[in-house]
């Protein structure tokens, strides 16, 4: 299960992030599109060293080496604008991910990507008027790329996680259900338990 940071800063954010990581969050995507390089460096500095291996950078990728971060995410536009993949990847980068919005785009990904977001699956919780134009569950039946894990994003919450996994997604990414909740950590634990229950049912 993946959590993406709120795009803008929120109260007690670092404290909440530490709590999520301590509760077992495996991957935290740092997506702060408006952050300058200095602001991003300051943000990363506040996160405990022991969690650096869980961090995924969406921007200012050159900071990865400085902070010992080995996971890089390429937004869809940046991936499509670059012509020198996989040469663009930084030396210490051991995990690469990206964003897609159609099964055609997902299927056409180079094998360099470990996983990719496919969105929106449901009506977005965090973005107003952002909802699926196609049924991604139906689209996933046309999947040809099994080298890259398909991560469901968009409107994912505890009520639909099981449905999402049953219909072929490899994992889920949470954003709005966490940051629009009064108790982000409690909400994370509910979602986490839903995933664990699903996995146990498949064992």
N, C-alpha and C. Protein backbone atom coordinates (compact mmCIF):
# COMPACT_ATOMS: atom_id res chain seq x y z
N UNK A 1 0.84 -1.19 0.00
CA UNK A 1 0.00 0.00 0.00
C UNK A 1 0.88 1.25 0.00
N UNK A 2 0.48 2.21 -0.80
CA UNK A 2 1.25 3.44 -0.98
C UNK A 2 0.42 4.63 -0.49
N UNK A 3 1.09 5.60 0.11
CA UNK A 3 0.44 6.87 0.46
C UNK A 3 1.19 7.98 -0.26
N UNK A 4 0.44 8.89 -0.85
CA UNK A 4 1.00 10.07 -1.52
C UNK A 4 0.75 11.28 -0.62
N UNK A 5 1.76 12.10 -0.43
CA UNK A 5 1.59 13.28 0.43
C UNK A 5 0.53 14.21 -0.13
N UNK A 6 -0.05 15.00 0.75
CA UNK A 6 -0.94 16.06 0.31
C UNK A 6 -0.12 17.05 -0.51
N UNK A 7 -0.63 17.54 -1.65
CA UNK A 7 0.16 18.45 -2.47
C UNK A 7 0.64 19.70 -1.74
N UNK A 8 -0.21 20.23 -0.88
CA UNK A 8 0.18 21.41 -0.10
C UNK A 8 0.47 20.99 1.34
N UNK A 9 1.15 21.87 2.06
CA UNK A 9 1.51 21.56 3.45
C UNK A 9 0.28 21.53 4.34
N UNK A 10 0.30 20.66 5.33
CA UNK A 10 -0.79 20.58 6.28
C UNK A 10 -0.23 20.61 7.70
N UNK A 11 -1.09 20.88 8.64
CA UNK A 11 -0.68 20.97 10.04
C UNK A 11 -0.15 19.63 10.55
N UNK A 12 0.95 19.68 11.26
CA UNK A 12 1.56 18.47 11.87
C UNK A 12 1.90 17.40 10.84
N UNK A 13 2.22 17.82 9.63
CA UNK A 13 2.41 16.86 8.54
C UNK A 13 3.53 15.86 8.81
N UNK A 14 4.69 16.34 9.23
CA UNK A 14 5.82 15.44 9.46
C UNK A 14 5.51 14.44 10.56
N UNK A 15 4.85 14.92 11.60
CA UNK A 15 4.46 14.03 12.70
C UNK A 15 3.52 12.92 12.20
N UNK A 16 2.58 13.30 11.35
CA UNK A 16 1.64 12.33 10.80
C UNK A 16 2.37 11.33 9.90
N UNK A 17 3.28 11.83 9.08
CA UNK A 17 4.03 10.96 8.19
C UNK A 17 4.85 9.94 8.98
N UNK A 18 5.48 10.41 10.06
CA UNK A 18 6.23 9.49 10.92
C UNK A 18 5.32 8.40 11.50
N UNK A 19 4.12 8.80 11.91
CA UNK A 19 3.17 7.84 12.47
C UNK A 19 2.77 6.80 11.43
N UNK A 20 2.53 7.24 10.20
CA UNK A 20 2.14 6.31 9.13
C UNK A 20 3.27 5.31 8.86
N UNK A 21 4.48 5.82 8.81
CA UNK A 21 5.64 4.96 8.55
C UNK A 21 5.86 3.97 9.71
N UNK A 22 5.65 4.45 10.92
CA UNK A 22 5.80 3.58 12.09
C UNK A 22 4.71 2.51 12.13
N UNK A 23 3.57 2.80 11.52
CA UNK A 23 2.47 1.83 11.47
C UNK A 23 2.64 0.81 10.35
N UNK A 24 3.73 0.96 9.59
CA UNK A 24 4.01 -0.04 8.56
C UNK A 24 3.84 0.40 7.13
N UNK A 25 3.67 1.71 6.90
CA UNK A 25 3.58 2.20 5.52
C UNK A 25 4.89 1.89 4.80
N UNK A 26 4.79 1.19 3.68
CA UNK A 26 6.01 0.76 2.99
C UNK A 26 6.56 1.81 2.04
N UNK A 27 5.67 2.54 1.36
CA UNK A 27 6.13 3.54 0.41
C UNK A 27 5.39 4.85 0.58
N UNK A 28 6.15 5.92 0.78
CA UNK A 28 5.58 7.26 0.90
C UNK A 28 6.06 8.09 -0.29
N UNK A 29 5.14 8.43 -1.16
CA UNK A 29 5.47 9.26 -2.32
C UNK A 29 5.41 10.73 -1.92
N UNK A 30 6.54 11.40 -2.06
CA UNK A 30 6.58 12.83 -1.74
C UNK A 30 6.25 13.62 -2.99
N UNK A 31 5.02 14.07 -3.05
CA UNK A 31 4.56 14.86 -4.19
C UNK A 31 4.18 16.26 -3.69
N UNK A 32 5.06 17.18 -3.93
CA UNK A 32 4.86 18.58 -3.55
C UNK A 32 5.18 19.44 -4.78
N UNK A 33 4.26 19.50 -5.73
CA UNK A 33 4.53 20.13 -7.03
C UNK A 33 4.97 21.59 -6.97
N UNK A 34 4.59 22.29 -5.91
CA UNK A 34 4.92 23.71 -5.82
C UNK A 34 6.18 23.98 -5.00
N UNK A 35 6.79 22.94 -4.47
CA UNK A 35 7.98 23.12 -3.64
C UNK A 35 9.19 23.49 -4.49
N UNK A 36 9.96 24.46 -4.00
CA UNK A 36 11.24 24.75 -4.61
C UNK A 36 12.23 23.67 -4.19
N UNK A 37 13.40 23.67 -4.77
CA UNK A 37 14.41 22.68 -4.41
C UNK A 37 14.77 22.81 -2.93
N UNK A 38 14.89 24.04 -2.44
CA UNK A 38 15.24 24.27 -1.04
C UNK A 38 14.13 23.79 -0.12
N UNK A 39 12.88 24.07 -0.48
CA UNK A 39 11.75 23.63 0.33
C UNK A 39 11.68 22.10 0.38
N UNK A 40 11.97 21.47 -0.75
CA UNK A 40 11.94 20.01 -0.78
C UNK A 40 13.05 19.43 0.10
N UNK A 41 14.23 20.02 0.03
CA UNK A 41 15.35 19.55 0.85
C UNK A 41 15.01 19.69 2.33
N UNK A 42 14.41 20.82 2.69
CA UNK A 42 14.03 21.05 4.10
C UNK A 42 12.99 20.03 4.55
N UNK A 43 12.04 19.71 3.66
CA UNK A 43 10.99 18.74 3.98
C UNK A 43 11.61 17.36 4.24
N UNK A 44 12.49 16.94 3.35
CA UNK A 44 13.12 15.62 3.50
C UNK A 44 13.95 15.55 4.78
N UNK A 45 14.64 16.64 5.08
CA UNK A 45 15.49 16.68 6.28
C UNK A 45 14.72 16.41 7.56
N UNK A 46 13.43 16.75 7.56
CA UNK A 46 12.62 16.57 8.76
C UNK A 46 12.19 15.12 8.98
N UNK A 47 12.32 14.30 7.94
CA UNK A 47 11.91 12.90 8.05
C UNK A 47 13.08 12.07 8.58
N UNK A 48 12.80 11.24 9.54
CA UNK A 48 13.84 10.45 10.20
C UNK A 48 14.65 9.63 9.19
N UNK A 49 15.93 9.55 9.47
CA UNK A 49 16.84 8.80 8.60
C UNK A 49 16.39 7.36 8.38
N UNK A 50 15.83 6.76 9.40
CA UNK A 50 15.45 5.35 9.31
C UNK A 50 14.37 5.09 8.25
N UNK A 51 13.70 6.17 7.80
CA UNK A 51 12.62 6.01 6.83
C UNK A 51 13.01 6.43 5.42
N UNK A 52 14.27 6.78 5.20
CA UNK A 52 14.70 7.24 3.87
C UNK A 52 14.43 6.17 2.80
N UNK A 53 14.54 4.91 3.19
CA UNK A 53 14.32 3.82 2.24
C UNK A 53 12.87 3.68 1.81
N UNK A 54 11.96 4.35 2.52
CA UNK A 54 10.54 4.27 2.20
C UNK A 54 10.08 5.44 1.32
N UNK A 55 10.97 6.39 1.09
CA UNK A 55 10.58 7.62 0.39
C UNK A 55 10.73 7.49 -1.12
N UNK A 56 9.79 8.11 -1.84
CA UNK A 56 9.81 8.15 -3.30
C UNK A 56 9.69 9.61 -3.72
N UNK A 57 10.64 10.10 -4.49
CA UNK A 57 10.66 11.51 -4.90
C UNK A 57 9.92 11.71 -6.22
N UNK A 58 9.00 12.69 -6.25
CA UNK A 58 8.28 13.03 -7.48
C UNK A 58 8.95 14.17 -8.23
N UNK A 59 9.72 14.98 -7.54
CA UNK A 59 10.36 16.13 -8.18
C UNK A 59 11.71 16.40 -7.53
N UNK A 60 12.47 17.30 -8.16
CA UNK A 60 13.82 17.60 -7.67
C UNK A 60 14.60 16.30 -7.45
N UNK A 61 14.60 15.49 -8.48
CA UNK A 61 15.24 14.17 -8.41
C UNK A 61 16.72 14.22 -8.06
N UNK A 62 17.34 15.36 -8.37
CA UNK A 62 18.78 15.46 -8.08
C UNK A 62 19.07 15.42 -6.58
N UNK A 63 18.04 15.63 -5.76
CA UNK A 63 18.22 15.57 -4.30
C UNK A 63 18.32 14.12 -3.80
N UNK A 64 17.90 13.19 -4.61
CA UNK A 64 17.88 11.79 -4.18
C UNK A 64 19.24 11.31 -3.71
N UNK A 65 20.25 11.59 -4.49
CA UNK A 65 21.59 11.12 -4.13
C UNK A 65 22.07 11.79 -2.86
N UNK A 66 21.76 13.08 -2.70
CA UNK A 66 22.19 13.82 -1.50
C UNK A 66 21.61 13.23 -0.23
N UNK A 67 20.38 12.71 -0.32
CA UNK A 67 19.68 12.22 0.86
C UNK A 67 19.60 10.70 0.94
N UNK A 68 20.27 10.02 0.06
CA UNK A 68 20.27 8.56 0.10
C UNK A 68 18.92 7.95 -0.26
N UNK A 69 18.16 8.66 -1.10
CA UNK A 69 16.87 8.15 -1.56
C UNK A 69 17.08 7.39 -2.86
N UNK A 70 16.57 6.18 -2.93
CA UNK A 70 16.82 5.33 -4.10
C UNK A 70 15.57 5.06 -4.93
N UNK A 71 14.48 5.76 -4.61
CA UNK A 71 13.23 5.54 -5.34
C UNK A 71 12.79 6.84 -6.00
N UNK A 72 12.54 6.78 -7.30
CA UNK A 72 12.19 7.95 -8.09
C UNK A 72 10.88 7.72 -8.82
N UNK A 73 10.03 8.76 -8.83
CA UNK A 73 8.78 8.69 -9.58
C UNK A 73 8.79 9.75 -10.67
N UNK A 74 8.37 9.34 -11.86
CA UNK A 74 8.29 10.26 -12.99
C UNK A 74 6.83 10.51 -13.34
N UNK A 75 6.34 11.74 -13.14
CA UNK A 75 4.99 12.07 -13.58
C UNK A 75 4.86 11.80 -15.08
N UNK A 76 3.66 11.58 -15.53
CA UNK A 76 3.43 11.21 -16.93
C UNK A 76 4.04 12.19 -17.91
N UNK A 77 3.82 13.48 -17.67
CA UNK A 77 4.32 14.50 -18.62
C UNK A 77 5.84 14.46 -18.70
N UNK A 78 6.50 14.36 -17.55
CA UNK A 78 7.96 14.33 -17.56
C UNK A 78 8.49 13.10 -18.27
N UNK A 79 7.84 11.96 -18.03
CA UNK A 79 8.26 10.73 -18.70
C UNK A 79 8.16 10.86 -20.21
N UNK A 80 7.07 11.46 -20.68
CA UNK A 80 6.86 11.58 -22.12
C UNK A 80 7.73 12.66 -22.76
N UNK A 81 8.17 13.63 -21.94
CA UNK A 81 9.01 14.71 -22.46
C UNK A 81 10.47 14.30 -22.59
N UNK A 82 10.85 13.23 -21.88
CA UNK A 82 12.25 12.80 -21.90
C UNK A 82 12.46 11.72 -22.97
N UNK A 83 13.52 11.88 -23.71
CA UNK A 83 13.80 10.94 -24.79
C UNK A 83 14.94 9.98 -24.47
N UNK A 84 15.57 10.18 -23.31
CA UNK A 84 16.77 9.39 -23.01
C UNK A 84 16.56 8.38 -21.89
N UNK A 85 15.34 7.79 -21.81
CA UNK A 85 15.15 6.71 -20.86
C UNK A 85 15.87 5.47 -21.39
N UNK A 86 16.51 4.64 -20.55
CA UNK A 86 16.58 4.80 -19.10
C UNK A 86 17.81 5.58 -18.63
N UNK A 87 18.53 6.20 -19.56
CA UNK A 87 19.76 6.92 -19.18
C UNK A 87 19.48 8.03 -18.18
N UNK A 88 18.25 8.52 -18.16
CA UNK A 88 17.89 9.64 -17.27
C UNK A 88 17.92 9.23 -15.80
N UNK A 89 17.80 7.93 -15.52
CA UNK A 89 17.74 7.48 -14.14
C UNK A 89 19.06 7.74 -13.41
N UNK A 90 18.94 8.18 -12.19
CA UNK A 90 20.12 8.48 -11.38
C UNK A 90 20.82 7.19 -10.98
N UNK A 91 22.11 7.28 -10.76
CA UNK A 91 22.92 6.10 -10.43
C UNK A 91 22.39 5.32 -9.23
N UNK A 92 22.04 6.01 -8.12
CA UNK A 92 21.61 5.23 -6.95
C UNK A 92 20.17 4.73 -7.04
N UNK A 93 19.48 5.07 -8.13
CA UNK A 93 18.07 4.73 -8.25
C UNK A 93 17.88 3.22 -8.45
N UNK A 94 17.18 2.59 -7.53
CA UNK A 94 16.95 1.14 -7.65
C UNK A 94 15.48 0.82 -7.88
N UNK A 95 14.62 1.84 -7.79
CA UNK A 95 13.19 1.61 -8.04
C UNK A 95 12.62 2.81 -8.78
N UNK A 96 11.98 2.54 -9.92
CA UNK A 96 11.42 3.60 -10.72
C UNK A 96 9.91 3.38 -10.90
N UNK A 97 9.16 4.45 -10.78
CA UNK A 97 7.72 4.37 -10.98
C UNK A 97 7.27 5.55 -11.83
N UNK A 98 6.05 5.47 -12.33
CA UNK A 98 5.52 6.54 -13.15
C UNK A 98 4.00 6.57 -13.05
N UNK A 99 3.38 7.50 -13.76
CA UNK A 99 1.92 7.65 -13.74
C UNK A 99 1.37 7.42 -15.14
N UNK A 100 0.23 6.72 -15.21
CA UNK A 100 -0.46 6.52 -16.48
C UNK A 100 -1.95 6.75 -16.27
N UNK A 101 -2.65 7.02 -17.38
CA UNK A 101 -4.08 7.28 -17.28
C UNK A 101 -4.90 6.48 -18.29
N UNK A 102 -4.25 5.51 -18.92
CA UNK A 102 -4.97 4.62 -19.83
C UNK A 102 -4.24 3.29 -19.89
N UNK A 103 -4.95 2.24 -20.22
CA UNK A 103 -4.32 0.93 -20.29
C UNK A 103 -3.34 0.88 -21.47
N UNK A 104 -3.61 1.66 -22.52
CA UNK A 104 -2.69 1.71 -23.66
C UNK A 104 -1.34 2.27 -23.24
N UNK A 105 -1.38 3.34 -22.46
CA UNK A 105 -0.14 3.96 -21.98
C UNK A 105 0.58 3.00 -21.03
N UNK A 106 -0.18 2.36 -20.16
CA UNK A 106 0.41 1.40 -19.22
C UNK A 106 1.09 0.25 -19.97
N UNK A 107 0.40 -0.28 -20.97
CA UNK A 107 0.95 -1.41 -21.73
C UNK A 107 2.22 -1.04 -22.49
N UNK A 108 2.35 0.23 -22.85
CA UNK A 108 3.49 0.66 -23.67
C UNK A 108 4.72 1.05 -22.85
N UNK A 109 4.62 0.96 -21.53
CA UNK A 109 5.75 1.35 -20.68
C UNK A 109 6.97 0.48 -20.93
N UNK A 110 8.13 1.12 -20.84
CA UNK A 110 9.38 0.37 -20.91
C UNK A 110 9.49 -0.51 -19.67
N UNK A 111 10.30 -1.52 -19.73
CA UNK A 111 10.43 -2.46 -18.62
C UNK A 111 11.19 -1.88 -17.44
N UNK A 112 11.69 -0.65 -17.58
CA UNK A 112 12.46 -0.02 -16.51
C UNK A 112 11.60 0.33 -15.29
N UNK A 113 10.29 0.39 -15.46
CA UNK A 113 9.43 0.81 -14.36
C UNK A 113 8.96 -0.37 -13.53
N UNK A 114 9.18 -0.27 -12.22
CA UNK A 114 8.77 -1.34 -11.31
C UNK A 114 7.26 -1.34 -11.11
N UNK A 115 6.68 -0.15 -11.05
CA UNK A 115 5.23 -0.05 -10.92
C UNK A 115 4.76 1.28 -11.50
N UNK A 116 3.46 1.36 -11.77
CA UNK A 116 2.89 2.58 -12.33
C UNK A 116 1.50 2.80 -11.78
N UNK A 117 1.18 4.05 -11.48
CA UNK A 117 -0.18 4.41 -11.10
C UNK A 117 -1.04 4.38 -12.36
N UNK A 118 -2.24 3.84 -12.21
CA UNK A 118 -3.24 3.88 -13.28
C UNK A 118 -4.46 4.55 -12.67
N UNK A 119 -4.83 5.70 -13.22
CA UNK A 119 -5.88 6.50 -12.56
C UNK A 119 -6.65 7.34 -13.59
N UNK A 120 -7.86 7.84 -13.15
CA UNK A 120 -8.51 7.57 -11.87
C UNK A 120 -9.42 6.35 -11.95
N UNK A 121 -9.36 5.55 -10.91
CA UNK A 121 -10.19 4.35 -10.86
C UNK A 121 -11.62 4.70 -10.46
N UNK A 122 -11.73 5.53 -9.43
CA UNK A 122 -13.03 6.02 -8.97
C UNK A 122 -13.01 7.56 -8.98
N UNK A 123 -14.12 8.15 -8.68
CA UNK A 123 -14.19 9.61 -8.57
C UNK A 123 -13.23 10.06 -7.48
N UNK A 124 -12.40 11.03 -7.80
CA UNK A 124 -11.37 11.48 -6.87
C UNK A 124 -11.96 12.06 -5.59
N UNK A 125 -11.29 11.78 -4.49
CA UNK A 125 -11.68 12.33 -3.19
C UNK A 125 -11.05 13.71 -3.00
N UNK A 126 -9.86 13.89 -3.54
CA UNK A 126 -9.10 15.13 -3.31
C UNK A 126 -9.25 16.17 -4.42
N UNK A 127 -9.57 15.71 -5.65
CA UNK A 127 -9.70 16.63 -6.78
C UNK A 127 -11.15 16.76 -7.20
N UNK A 128 -11.64 17.97 -7.21
CA UNK A 128 -13.04 18.21 -7.58
C UNK A 128 -13.25 17.94 -9.08
N UNK A 129 -14.34 17.27 -9.39
CA UNK A 129 -14.72 16.97 -10.78
C UNK A 129 -13.69 16.13 -11.54
N UNK A 130 -12.92 15.34 -10.81
CA UNK A 130 -11.95 14.45 -11.45
C UNK A 130 -12.44 13.03 -11.28
N UNK A 131 -12.90 12.45 -12.38
CA UNK A 131 -13.49 11.12 -12.31
C UNK A 131 -13.15 10.32 -13.56
N UNK A 132 -13.36 9.00 -13.51
CA UNK A 132 -12.97 8.15 -14.65
C UNK A 132 -13.76 8.49 -15.92
N UNK A 133 -13.04 8.48 -17.04
CA UNK A 133 -13.70 8.62 -18.33
C UNK A 133 -13.96 7.24 -18.93
N UNK A 134 -13.18 6.26 -18.45
CA UNK A 134 -13.39 4.88 -18.88
C UNK A 134 -13.38 3.97 -17.66
N UNK A 135 -13.95 2.81 -17.79
CA UNK A 135 -13.97 1.82 -16.72
C UNK A 135 -12.61 1.12 -16.70
N UNK A 136 -11.77 1.46 -15.74
CA UNK A 136 -10.42 0.90 -15.70
C UNK A 136 -10.41 -0.57 -15.31
N UNK A 137 -11.48 -1.04 -14.68
CA UNK A 137 -11.57 -2.47 -14.39
C UNK A 137 -11.73 -3.25 -15.70
N UNK A 138 -12.56 -2.73 -16.59
CA UNK A 138 -12.73 -3.35 -17.90
C UNK A 138 -11.45 -3.21 -18.71
N UNK A 139 -10.85 -2.03 -18.63
CA UNK A 139 -9.62 -1.76 -19.39
C UNK A 139 -8.51 -2.70 -18.97
N UNK A 140 -8.47 -3.02 -17.68
CA UNK A 140 -7.39 -3.86 -17.15
C UNK A 140 -7.42 -5.28 -17.73
N UNK A 141 -8.57 -5.66 -18.27
CA UNK A 141 -8.67 -6.97 -18.91
C UNK A 141 -7.83 -7.02 -20.19
N UNK A 142 -7.45 -5.84 -20.69
CA UNK A 142 -6.63 -5.75 -21.90
C UNK A 142 -5.15 -5.58 -21.55
N UNK A 143 -4.83 -5.82 -20.30
CA UNK A 143 -3.45 -5.66 -19.84
C UNK A 143 -2.50 -6.64 -20.54
N UNK A 144 -1.39 -6.11 -21.04
CA UNK A 144 -0.35 -6.92 -21.67
C UNK A 144 0.98 -6.79 -20.93
N UNK A 145 1.09 -5.73 -20.15
CA UNK A 145 2.33 -5.45 -19.41
C UNK A 145 2.23 -6.04 -18.00
N UNK A 146 2.94 -7.14 -17.78
CA UNK A 146 2.96 -7.75 -16.45
C UNK A 146 4.31 -7.60 -15.78
N UNK A 147 5.23 -6.90 -16.44
CA UNK A 147 6.53 -6.60 -15.83
C UNK A 147 6.39 -5.48 -14.82
N UNK A 148 5.43 -4.60 -15.09
CA UNK A 148 5.19 -3.42 -14.26
C UNK A 148 3.95 -3.65 -13.42
N UNK A 149 4.04 -3.43 -12.12
CA UNK A 149 2.87 -3.58 -11.26
C UNK A 149 1.88 -2.44 -11.50
N UNK A 150 0.60 -2.77 -11.54
CA UNK A 150 -0.45 -1.77 -11.75
C UNK A 150 -0.99 -1.32 -10.40
N UNK A 151 -0.81 -0.04 -10.09
CA UNK A 151 -1.25 0.51 -8.81
C UNK A 151 -2.46 1.39 -9.03
N UNK A 152 -3.56 1.06 -8.37
CA UNK A 152 -4.80 1.82 -8.50
C UNK A 152 -4.71 3.14 -7.73
N UNK A 153 -5.10 4.21 -8.40
CA UNK A 153 -5.11 5.54 -7.77
C UNK A 153 -6.38 6.26 -8.20
N UNK A 154 -6.89 7.08 -7.29
CA UNK A 154 -8.07 7.87 -7.61
C UNK A 154 -9.31 7.36 -6.92
N UNK A 155 -9.69 8.02 -5.84
CA UNK A 155 -10.91 7.63 -5.13
C UNK A 155 -10.80 6.36 -4.31
N UNK A 156 -9.58 5.90 -4.08
CA UNK A 156 -9.40 4.65 -3.32
C UNK A 156 -9.63 4.90 -1.83
N UNK A 157 -10.47 4.07 -1.22
CA UNK A 157 -10.76 4.18 0.21
C UNK A 157 -11.03 2.78 0.75
N UNK A 158 -11.25 2.69 2.05
CA UNK A 158 -11.43 1.36 2.68
C UNK A 158 -12.64 0.61 2.11
N UNK A 159 -13.63 1.35 1.59
CA UNK A 159 -14.84 0.71 1.08
C UNK A 159 -14.65 0.02 -0.27
N UNK A 160 -13.63 0.45 -1.03
CA UNK A 160 -13.49 -0.11 -2.37
C UNK A 160 -12.13 -0.77 -2.63
N UNK A 161 -11.28 -0.86 -1.61
CA UNK A 161 -9.97 -1.47 -1.79
C UNK A 161 -10.09 -2.93 -2.24
N UNK A 162 -10.93 -3.70 -1.57
CA UNK A 162 -11.08 -5.12 -1.91
C UNK A 162 -11.55 -5.28 -3.36
N UNK A 163 -12.53 -4.48 -3.76
CA UNK A 163 -13.04 -4.54 -5.14
C UNK A 163 -11.92 -4.25 -6.13
N UNK A 164 -11.08 -3.28 -5.78
CA UNK A 164 -9.98 -2.88 -6.65
C UNK A 164 -8.98 -4.02 -6.83
N UNK A 165 -8.63 -4.68 -5.75
CA UNK A 165 -7.66 -5.78 -5.82
C UNK A 165 -8.25 -7.01 -6.50
N UNK A 166 -9.52 -7.29 -6.22
CA UNK A 166 -10.19 -8.43 -6.84
C UNK A 166 -10.23 -8.28 -8.36
N UNK A 167 -10.34 -7.04 -8.83
CA UNK A 167 -10.46 -6.78 -10.26
C UNK A 167 -9.13 -6.63 -10.98
N UNK A 168 -8.04 -7.02 -10.32
CA UNK A 168 -6.79 -7.14 -11.07
C UNK A 168 -5.67 -6.18 -10.77
N UNK A 169 -5.91 -5.17 -9.95
CA UNK A 169 -4.82 -4.26 -9.60
C UNK A 169 -3.89 -4.96 -8.60
N UNK A 170 -2.61 -4.65 -8.71
CA UNK A 170 -1.61 -5.28 -7.84
C UNK A 170 -1.53 -4.63 -6.47
N UNK A 171 -1.89 -3.36 -6.40
CA UNK A 171 -1.81 -2.63 -5.13
C UNK A 171 -2.60 -1.34 -5.28
N UNK A 172 -2.69 -0.59 -4.18
CA UNK A 172 -3.45 0.67 -4.21
C UNK A 172 -2.61 1.81 -3.64
N UNK A 173 -2.95 3.02 -4.09
CA UNK A 173 -2.30 4.23 -3.58
C UNK A 173 -3.37 5.13 -2.99
N UNK A 174 -3.09 5.65 -1.81
CA UNK A 174 -4.06 6.48 -1.09
C UNK A 174 -3.62 7.93 -1.05
N UNK A 175 -4.59 8.83 -1.21
CA UNK A 175 -4.30 10.27 -1.10
C UNK A 175 -5.44 10.95 -0.36
N UNK A 176 -6.55 11.20 -1.07
CA UNK A 176 -7.66 11.93 -0.46
C UNK A 176 -8.25 11.27 0.77
N UNK A 177 -8.37 9.93 0.75
CA UNK A 177 -8.97 9.24 1.90
C UNK A 177 -8.15 9.42 3.17
N UNK A 178 -6.84 9.68 3.01
CA UNK A 178 -5.97 9.93 4.16
C UNK A 178 -6.02 11.39 4.57
N UNK A 179 -5.77 12.30 3.63
CA UNK A 179 -5.58 13.71 3.97
C UNK A 179 -6.87 14.49 4.13
N UNK A 180 -7.98 13.95 3.67
CA UNK A 180 -9.27 14.62 3.88
C UNK A 180 -9.98 14.09 5.12
N UNK A 181 -9.28 13.23 5.86
CA UNK A 181 -9.85 12.65 7.06
C UNK A 181 -9.34 13.38 8.30
N UNK A 182 -10.19 13.49 9.31
CA UNK A 182 -9.80 14.17 10.55
C UNK A 182 -8.68 13.43 11.27
N UNK A 183 -8.63 12.12 11.08
CA UNK A 183 -7.60 11.30 11.71
C UNK A 183 -6.90 10.45 10.64
N UNK A 184 -5.91 11.03 9.96
CA UNK A 184 -5.24 10.32 8.86
C UNK A 184 -4.65 8.98 9.26
N UNK A 185 -4.06 8.89 10.46
CA UNK A 185 -3.41 7.66 10.89
C UNK A 185 -4.45 6.56 11.12
N UNK A 186 -5.55 6.90 11.77
CA UNK A 186 -6.62 5.93 12.00
C UNK A 186 -7.18 5.43 10.67
N UNK A 187 -7.36 6.35 9.72
CA UNK A 187 -7.88 5.98 8.41
C UNK A 187 -6.90 5.06 7.66
N UNK A 188 -5.63 5.36 7.79
CA UNK A 188 -4.61 4.51 7.17
C UNK A 188 -4.70 3.09 7.74
N UNK A 189 -4.83 2.95 9.04
CA UNK A 189 -4.87 1.65 9.68
C UNK A 189 -6.11 0.86 9.24
N UNK A 190 -7.22 1.55 9.00
CA UNK A 190 -8.43 0.88 8.51
C UNK A 190 -8.18 0.34 7.11
N UNK A 191 -7.57 1.16 6.27
CA UNK A 191 -7.25 0.72 4.90
C UNK A 191 -6.24 -0.42 4.92
N UNK A 192 -5.26 -0.29 5.79
CA UNK A 192 -4.22 -1.32 5.92
C UNK A 192 -4.84 -2.66 6.30
N UNK A 193 -5.77 -2.64 7.23
CA UNK A 193 -6.43 -3.86 7.67
C UNK A 193 -7.26 -4.47 6.55
N UNK A 194 -7.87 -3.61 5.73
CA UNK A 194 -8.66 -4.09 4.58
C UNK A 194 -7.77 -4.84 3.61
N UNK A 195 -6.58 -4.29 3.35
CA UNK A 195 -5.63 -4.95 2.44
C UNK A 195 -5.18 -6.28 3.03
N UNK A 196 -4.85 -6.28 4.32
CA UNK A 196 -4.40 -7.51 4.98
C UNK A 196 -5.47 -8.58 4.96
N UNK A 197 -6.71 -8.18 5.18
CA UNK A 197 -7.82 -9.14 5.16
C UNK A 197 -7.98 -9.75 3.78
N UNK A 198 -7.82 -8.91 2.75
CA UNK A 198 -7.92 -9.41 1.37
C UNK A 198 -6.79 -10.41 1.09
N UNK A 199 -5.58 -10.05 1.47
CA UNK A 199 -4.43 -10.93 1.23
C UNK A 199 -4.59 -12.27 1.95
N UNK A 200 -5.12 -12.21 3.17
CA UNK A 200 -5.34 -13.45 3.93
C UNK A 200 -6.39 -14.32 3.27
N UNK A 201 -7.39 -13.69 2.66
CA UNK A 201 -8.45 -14.45 2.01
C UNK A 201 -7.95 -15.13 0.74
N UNK A 202 -6.83 -14.61 0.18
CA UNK A 202 -6.27 -15.16 -1.04
C UNK A 202 -5.21 -16.24 -0.76
N UNK A 203 -4.80 -16.32 0.50
CA UNK A 203 -3.72 -17.26 0.86
C UNK A 203 -4.19 -18.71 0.78
